[in-house]
Amino acid sequence: MTAAATSNTPVRHRSLGDHTWQDQAVCTPTEYNPVDPETFFPGPEDTDKITAAKALCAQCPVARACLDAALEAGDTHGIRGGLTEEERESLHTKIADRLDYSRVNATLTGRDIHLTKAERRAVVLAGYRQGVTVERLAWLLKISEEHALKLYRETRRAIRHRQIAQDAARAAATGEAAGHLNPADFGTAA
């Protein structure tokens, strides 16, 4: 019995302003690959066109980048990344909350990645916890140093408030109250 070979190749995220992934798309018509672009814009009842487009997307090495680009740009027309307009509809409303840690880690290593609001918050939190300087955070997120400092202050405050809330919950669960003395706090009289 042999184990299937697996590969953990790193995810290739689109960099800011990068459209070179489109050159690798299966749907790009060339002299040797005469794909009809209309295939990717079928009507709701054109099941043959939808099936054909999805079959091409299933072979595409940049389908994920295509889907990300469609979601990030708010593109609601045609088949993108192997999904129809209707299939992408719920993803469009959730895109701001997407949290992909591979994107966060890629940003922390210095790559210019398209980030959602949730991913930007995760970069700030990870940067704060890892001791990333304010200057580096500003450079990573393409913001001013003043704004980066403000984000770190907000993060520090949120962590402190979370710790206070956890301590209060722990104290309430054990029956301890702030300033309340237990019998064990007193020594025995000699």
C-alpha atoms as a PDB file:
ATOM      1  CA  MET A   1       0.000   0.000   0.000  1.00  0.00           C
ATOM      2  CA  THR A   2       1.555   3.293  -1.068  1.00  0.00           C
ATOM      3  CA  ALA A   3       0.691   6.697   0.233  1.00  0.00           C
ATOM      4  CA  ALA A   4      -0.474   9.290  -2.233  1.00  0.00           C
ATOM      5  CA  ALA A   5       2.129  11.929  -2.917  1.00  0.00           C
ATOM      6  CA  THR A   6       1.126  15.274  -1.511  1.00  0.00           C
ATOM      7  CA  SER A   7       2.609  18.657  -2.022  1.00  0.00           C
ATOM      8  CA  ASN A   8       2.495  21.627   0.277  1.00  0.00           C
ATOM      9  CA  THR A   9       3.380  24.309  -2.198  1.00  0.00           C
ATOM     10  CA  PRO A  10       2.931  27.829  -0.858  1.00  0.00           C
ATOM     11  CA  VAL A  11      -0.240  29.635  -1.778  1.00  0.00           C
ATOM     12  CA  ARG A  12       0.340  32.307  -4.409  1.00  0.00           C
ATOM     13  CA  HIS A  13      -1.664  35.369  -3.465  1.00  0.00           C
ATOM     14  CA  ARG A  14      -2.108  38.261  -5.830  1.00  0.00           C
ATOM     15  CA  SER A  15       0.070  41.229  -5.066  1.00  0.00           C
ATOM     16  CA  LEU A  16      -1.373  44.710  -5.136  1.00  0.00           C
ATOM     17  CA  GLY A  17      -1.859  45.780  -8.738  1.00  0.00           C
ATOM     18  CA  ASP A  18      -0.771  42.376 -10.069  1.00  0.00           C
ATOM     19  CA  HIS A  19      -2.751  41.190 -13.067  1.00  0.00           C
ATOM     20  CA  THR A  20      -0.128  38.826 -14.475  1.00  0.00           C
ATOM     21  CA  TRP A  21      -2.121  35.865 -13.187  1.00  0.00           C
ATOM     22  CA  GLN A  22      -4.563  36.507 -16.051  1.00  0.00           C
ATOM     23  CA  ASP A  23      -1.882  35.380 -18.533  1.00  0.00           C
ATOM     24  CA  GLN A  24      -2.045  31.897 -16.999  1.00  0.00           C
ATOM     25  CA  ALA A  25      -5.857  31.697 -17.038  1.00  0.00           C
ATOM     26  CA  VAL A  26      -7.373  28.900 -19.089  1.00  0.00           C
ATOM     27  CA  CYS A  27     -10.101  31.278 -20.286  1.00  0.00           C
ATOM     28  CA  THR A  28      -7.631  33.631 -21.993  1.00  0.00           C
ATOM     29  CA  PRO A  29      -8.024  33.086 -25.743  1.00  0.00           C
ATOM     30  CA  THR A  30      -4.809  32.474 -27.673  1.00  0.00           C
ATOM     31  CA  GLU A  31      -3.917  31.217 -31.136  1.00  0.00           C
ATOM     32  CA  TYR A  32      -3.658  27.683 -29.742  1.00  0.00           C
ATOM     33  CA  ASN A  33      -6.502  27.971 -27.243  1.00  0.00           C
ATOM     34  CA  PRO A  34      -9.473  29.594 -29.007  1.00  0.00           C
ATOM     35  CA  VAL A  35     -11.784  30.052 -26.010  1.00  0.00           C
ATOM     36  CA  ASP A  36     -14.965  32.028 -26.599  1.00  0.00           C
ATOM     37  CA  PRO A  37     -15.193  34.648 -23.807  1.00  0.00           C
ATOM     38  CA  GLU A  38     -18.990  34.531 -24.089  1.00  0.00           C
ATOM     39  CA  THR A  39     -18.834  31.041 -22.568  1.00  0.00           C
ATOM     40  CA  PHE A  40     -18.193  32.724 -19.211  1.00  0.00           C
ATOM     41  CA  PHE A  41     -21.234  34.986 -19.468  1.00  0.00           C
ATOM     42  CA  PRO A  42     -24.118  32.559 -19.913  1.00  0.00           C
ATOM     43  CA  GLY A  43     -27.752  33.271 -19.203  1.00  0.00           C
ATOM     44  CA  PRO A  44     -29.270  31.649 -16.117  1.00  0.00           C
ATOM     45  CA  GLU A  45     -30.819  28.893 -18.247  1.00  0.00           C
ATOM     46  CA  ASP A  46     -27.739  28.170 -20.434  1.00  0.00           C
ATOM     47  CA  THR A  47     -26.746  25.026 -18.543  1.00  0.00           C
ATOM     48  CA  ASP A  48     -24.480  23.814 -21.357  1.00  0.00           C
ATOM     49  CA  LYS A  49     -22.445  27.058 -21.278  1.00  0.00           C
ATOM     50  CA  ILE A  50     -22.326  26.994 -17.470  1.00  0.00           C
ATOM     51  CA  THR A  51     -21.077  23.389 -17.500  1.00  0.00           C
ATOM     52  CA  ALA A  52     -18.468  24.179 -20.166  1.00  0.00           C
ATOM     53  CA  ALA A  53     -17.219  27.259 -18.303  1.00  0.00           C
ATOM     54  CA  LYS A  54     -16.988  25.406 -14.992  1.00  0.00           C
ATOM     55  CA  ALA A  55     -15.088  22.564 -16.690  1.00  0.00           C
ATOM     56  CA  LEU A  56     -12.517  25.070 -17.955  1.00  0.00           C
ATOM     57  CA  CYS A  57     -12.285  26.717 -14.533  1.00  0.00           C
ATOM     58  CA  ALA A  58     -11.673  23.320 -12.926  1.00  0.00           C
ATOM     59  CA  GLN A  59      -8.493  23.005 -15.051  1.00  0.00           C
ATOM     60  CA  CYS A  60      -7.309  26.554 -14.402  1.00  0.00           C
ATOM     61  CA  PRO A  61      -4.150  27.045 -12.309  1.00  0.00           C
ATOM     62  CA  VAL A  62      -5.239  30.547 -11.264  1.00  0.00           C
ATOM     63  CA  ALA A  63      -8.898  29.891 -10.420  1.00  0.00           C
ATOM     64  CA  ARG A  64      -8.354  30.992  -6.810  1.00  0.00           C
ATOM     65  CA  ALA A  65      -6.759  34.278  -7.909  1.00  0.00           C
ATOM     66  CA  CYS A  66      -9.649  34.793 -10.340  1.00  0.00           C
ATOM     67  CA  LEU A  67     -12.230  34.243  -7.613  1.00  0.00           C
ATOM     68  CA  ASP A  68     -10.359  36.525  -5.200  1.00  0.00           C
ATOM     69  CA  ALA A  69     -10.130  39.243  -7.847  1.00  0.00           C
ATOM     70  CA  ALA A  70     -13.858  38.997  -8.571  1.00  0.00           C
ATOM     71  CA  LEU A  71     -14.769  39.176  -4.889  1.00  0.00           C
ATOM     72  CA  GLU A  72     -12.349  41.972  -4.038  1.00  0.00           C
ATOM     73  CA  ALA A  73     -13.453  44.068  -7.027  1.00  0.00           C
ATOM     74  CA  GLY A  74     -17.146  43.394  -6.419  1.00  0.00           C
ATOM     75  CA  ASP A  75     -17.457  41.798  -9.870  1.00  0.00           C
ATOM     76  CA  THR A  76     -20.891  40.192  -9.994  1.00  0.00           C
ATOM     77  CA  HIS A  77     -21.021  39.277 -13.688  1.00  0.00           C
ATOM     78  CA  GLY A  78     -20.181  35.989 -15.346  1.00  0.00           C
ATOM     79  CA  ILE A  79     -18.466  32.877 -14.118  1.00  0.00           C
ATOM     80  CA  ARG A  80     -15.308  33.665 -12.177  1.00  0.00           C
ATOM     81  CA  GLY A  81     -13.100  31.218 -10.323  1.00  0.00           C
ATOM     82  CA  GLY A  82     -15.464  28.380 -11.167  1.00  0.00           C
ATOM     83  CA  LEU A  83     -18.503  29.986  -9.540  1.00  0.00           C
ATOM     84  CA  THR A  84     -21.578  31.501 -11.133  1.00  0.00           C
ATOM     85  CA  GLU A  85     -22.931  34.921 -10.200  1.00  0.00           C
ATOM     86  CA  GLU A  86     -25.497  33.309  -7.908  1.00  0.00           C
ATOM     87  CA  GLU A  87     -22.911  31.075  -6.227  1.00  0.00           C
ATOM     88  CA  ARG A  88     -20.652  34.072  -5.528  1.00  0.00           C
ATOM     89  CA  GLU A  89     -23.452  36.267  -4.188  1.00  0.00           C
ATOM     90  CA  SER A  90     -23.141  35.189  -0.541  1.00  0.00           C
ATOM     91  CA  LEU A  91     -19.336  35.384  -0.756  1.00  0.00           C
ATOM     92  CA  HIS A  92     -19.526  39.028  -1.856  1.00  0.00           C
ATOM     93  CA  THR A  93     -21.346  39.972   1.335  1.00  0.00           C
ATOM     94  CA  LYS A  94     -18.833  38.070   3.505  1.00  0.00           C
ATOM     95  CA  ILE A  95     -15.595  39.177   1.800  1.00  0.00           C
ATOM     96  CA  ALA A  96     -14.827  41.920   4.347  1.00  0.00           C
ATOM     97  CA  ASP A  97     -14.820  39.283   7.105  1.00  0.00           C
ATOM     98  CA  ARG A  98     -12.600  36.794   5.277  1.00  0.00           C
ATOM     99  CA  LEU A  99      -9.660  35.828   7.463  1.00  0.00           C
ATOM    100  CA  ASP A 100      -7.044  33.782   5.660  1.00  0.00           C
ATOM    101  CA  TYR A 101      -3.951  33.449   7.828  1.00  0.00           C
ATOM    102  CA  SER A 102      -1.776  32.553   4.840  1.00  0.00           C
ATOM    103  CA  ARG A 103      -2.544  36.054   3.523  1.00  0.00           C
ATOM    104  CA  VAL A 104      -1.746  37.578   6.932  1.00  0.00           C
ATOM    105  CA  ASN A 105       1.561  35.692   7.125  1.00  0.00           C
ATOM    106  CA  ALA A 106       2.470  36.651   3.564  1.00  0.00           C
ATOM    107  CA  THR A 107       1.887  40.305   4.441  1.00  0.00           C
ATOM    108  CA  LEU A 108       4.016  40.039   7.581  1.00  0.00           C
ATOM    109  CA  THR A 109       6.873  38.708   5.451  1.00  0.00           C
ATOM    110  CA  GLY A 110       6.666  41.826   3.297  1.00  0.00           C
ATOM    111  CA  ARG A 111       4.459  40.812   0.380  1.00  0.00           C
ATOM    112  CA  ASP A 112       1.928  43.343  -0.913  1.00  0.00           C
ATOM    113  CA  ILE A 113      -1.247  41.301  -0.605  1.00  0.00           C
ATOM    114  CA  HIS A 114      -4.854  42.386  -1.048  1.00  0.00           C
ATOM    115  CA  LEU A 115      -6.248  42.206   2.487  1.00  0.00           C
ATOM    116  CA  THR A 116      -9.769  42.304   3.857  1.00  0.00           C
ATOM    117  CA  LYS A 117     -10.635  44.350   6.931  1.00  0.00           C
ATOM    118  CA  ALA A 118     -10.421  41.236   9.119  1.00  0.00           C
ATOM    119  CA  GLU A 119      -7.029  40.328   7.655  1.00  0.00           C
ATOM    120  CA  ARG A 120      -5.718  43.867   8.233  1.00  0.00           C
ATOM    121  CA  ARG A 121      -6.796  43.622  11.891  1.00  0.00           C
ATOM    122  CA  ALA A 122      -5.038  40.241  12.136  1.00  0.00           C
ATOM    123  CA  VAL A 123      -1.837  41.747  10.696  1.00  0.00           C
ATOM    124  CA  VAL A 124      -1.939  44.476  13.347  1.00  0.00           C
ATOM    125  CA  LEU A 125      -2.528  41.971  16.163  1.00  0.00           C
ATOM    126  CA  ALA A 126       0.176  39.595  14.933  1.00  0.00           C
ATOM    127  CA  GLY A 127       2.571  42.496  14.406  1.00  0.00           C
ATOM    128  CA  TYR A 128       1.917  43.765  17.918  1.00  0.00           C
ATOM    129  CA  ARG A 129       2.439  40.333  19.457  1.00  0.00           C
ATOM    130  CA  GLN A 130       5.591  39.689  17.410  1.00  0.00           C
ATOM    131  CA  GLY A 131       7.122  43.059  18.227  1.00  0.00           C
ATOM    132  CA  VAL A 132       6.969  44.426  14.675  1.00  0.00           C
ATOM    133  CA  THR A 133       7.981  48.080  14.801  1.00  0.00           C
ATOM    134  CA  VAL A 134       5.513  50.860  14.119  1.00  0.00           C
ATOM    135  CA  GLU A 135       7.574  51.849  11.077  1.00  0.00           C
ATOM    136  CA  ARG A 136       7.453  48.321   9.647  1.00  0.00           C
ATOM    137  CA  LEU A 137       3.703  47.989  10.295  1.00  0.00           C
ATOM    138  CA  ALA A 138       3.135  51.301   8.517  1.00  0.00           C
ATOM    139  CA  TRP A 139       5.167  50.059   5.552  1.00  0.00           C
ATOM    140  CA  LEU A 140       3.383  46.673   5.469  1.00  0.00           C
ATOM    141  CA  LEU A 141      -0.100  48.196   5.505  1.00  0.00           C
ATOM    142  CA  LYS A 142       0.786  51.248   3.388  1.00  0.00           C
ATOM    143  CA  ILE A 143      -0.368  53.662   6.089  1.00  0.00           C
ATOM    144  CA  SER A 144       1.262  56.512   7.997  1.00  0.00           C
ATOM    145  CA  GLU A 145       3.359  55.811  11.070  1.00  0.00           C
ATOM    146  CA  GLU A 146       0.885  57.840  13.122  1.00  0.00           C
ATOM    147  CA  HIS A 147      -1.945  55.589  11.985  1.00  0.00           C
ATOM    148  CA  ALA A 148       0.136  52.474  12.715  1.00  0.00           C
ATOM    149  CA  LEU A 149       0.876  53.794  16.218  1.00  0.00           C
ATOM    150  CA  LYS A 150      -2.857  54.427  16.735  1.00  0.00           C
ATOM    151  CA  LEU A 151      -3.638  50.850  15.640  1.00  0.00           C
ATOM    152  CA  TYR A 152      -1.068  49.476  18.093  1.00  0.00           C
ATOM    153  CA  ARG A 153      -2.543  51.582  20.920  1.00  0.00           C
ATOM    154  CA  GLU A 154      -6.036  50.294  20.109  1.00  0.00           C
ATOM    155  CA  THR A 155      -4.706  46.732  20.020  1.00  0.00           C
ATOM    156  CA  ARG A 156      -2.919  47.126  23.358  1.00  0.00           C
ATOM    157  CA  ARG A 157      -6.106  48.567  24.889  1.00  0.00           C
ATOM    158  CA  ALA A 158      -8.260  45.725  23.490  1.00  0.00           C
ATOM    159  CA  ILE A 159      -5.862  43.092  24.842  1.00  0.00           C
ATOM    160  CA  ARG A 160      -5.837  44.780  28.263  1.00  0.00           C
ATOM    161  CA  HIS A 161      -9.661  44.981  28.372  1.00  0.00           C
ATOM    162  CA  ARG A 162      -9.948  41.351  27.282  1.00  0.00           C
ATOM    163  CA  GLN A 163      -7.568  40.318  30.096  1.00  0.00           C
ATOM    164  CA  ILE A 164      -9.558  42.320  32.667  1.00  0.00           C
ATOM    165  CA  ALA A 165     -12.797  40.698  31.485  1.00  0.00           C
ATOM    166  CA  GLN A 166     -11.233  37.218  31.662  1.00  0.00           C
ATOM    167  CA  ASP A 167      -9.916  37.883  35.183  1.00  0.00           C
ATOM    168  CA  ALA A 168     -13.346  39.102  36.304  1.00  0.00           C
ATOM    169  CA  ALA A 169     -15.044  36.044  34.786  1.00  0.00           C
ATOM    170  CA  ARG A 170     -12.514  33.742  36.457  1.00  0.00           C
ATOM    171  CA  ALA A 171     -13.047  35.474  39.802  1.00  0.00           C
ATOM    172  CA  ALA A 172     -16.827  35.210  39.452  1.00  0.00           C
ATOM    173  CA  ALA A 173     -16.577  31.509  38.610  1.00  0.00           C
ATOM    174  CA  THR A 174     -14.507  30.769  41.715  1.00  0.00           C
ATOM    175  CA  GLY A 175     -16.648  32.964  43.958  1.00  0.00           C
ATOM    176  CA  GLU A 176     -13.936  35.482  44.627  1.00  0.00           C
ATOM    177  CA  ALA A 177     -14.754  39.147  44.630  1.00  0.00           C
ATOM    178  CA  ALA A 178     -12.320  41.981  44.349  1.00  0.00           C
ATOM    179  CA  GLY A 179     -11.270  43.050  47.823  1.00  0.00           C
ATOM    180  CA  HIS A 180     -13.120  40.157  49.509  1.00  0.00           C
ATOM    181  CA  LEU A 181     -11.069  38.263  52.040  1.00  0.00           C
ATOM    182  CA  ASN A 182     -11.369  34.505  52.438  1.00  0.00           C
ATOM    183  CA  PRO A 183     -10.717  32.668  55.713  1.00  0.00           C
ATOM    184  CA  ALA A 184      -7.533  31.292  54.147  1.00  0.00           C
ATOM    185  CA  ASP A 185      -6.225  34.858  53.903  1.00  0.00           C
ATOM    186  CA  PHE A 186      -5.966  34.978  57.715  1.00  0.00           C
ATOM    187  CA  GLY A 187      -3.349  33.123  59.720  1.00  0.00           C
ATOM    188  CA  THR A 188      -4.149  31.011  62.736  1.00  0.00           C
ATOM    189  CA  ALA A 189      -3.978  32.547  66.176  1.00  0.00           C
ATOM    190  CA  ALA A 190      -1.226  31.153  68.328  1.00  0.00           C
END
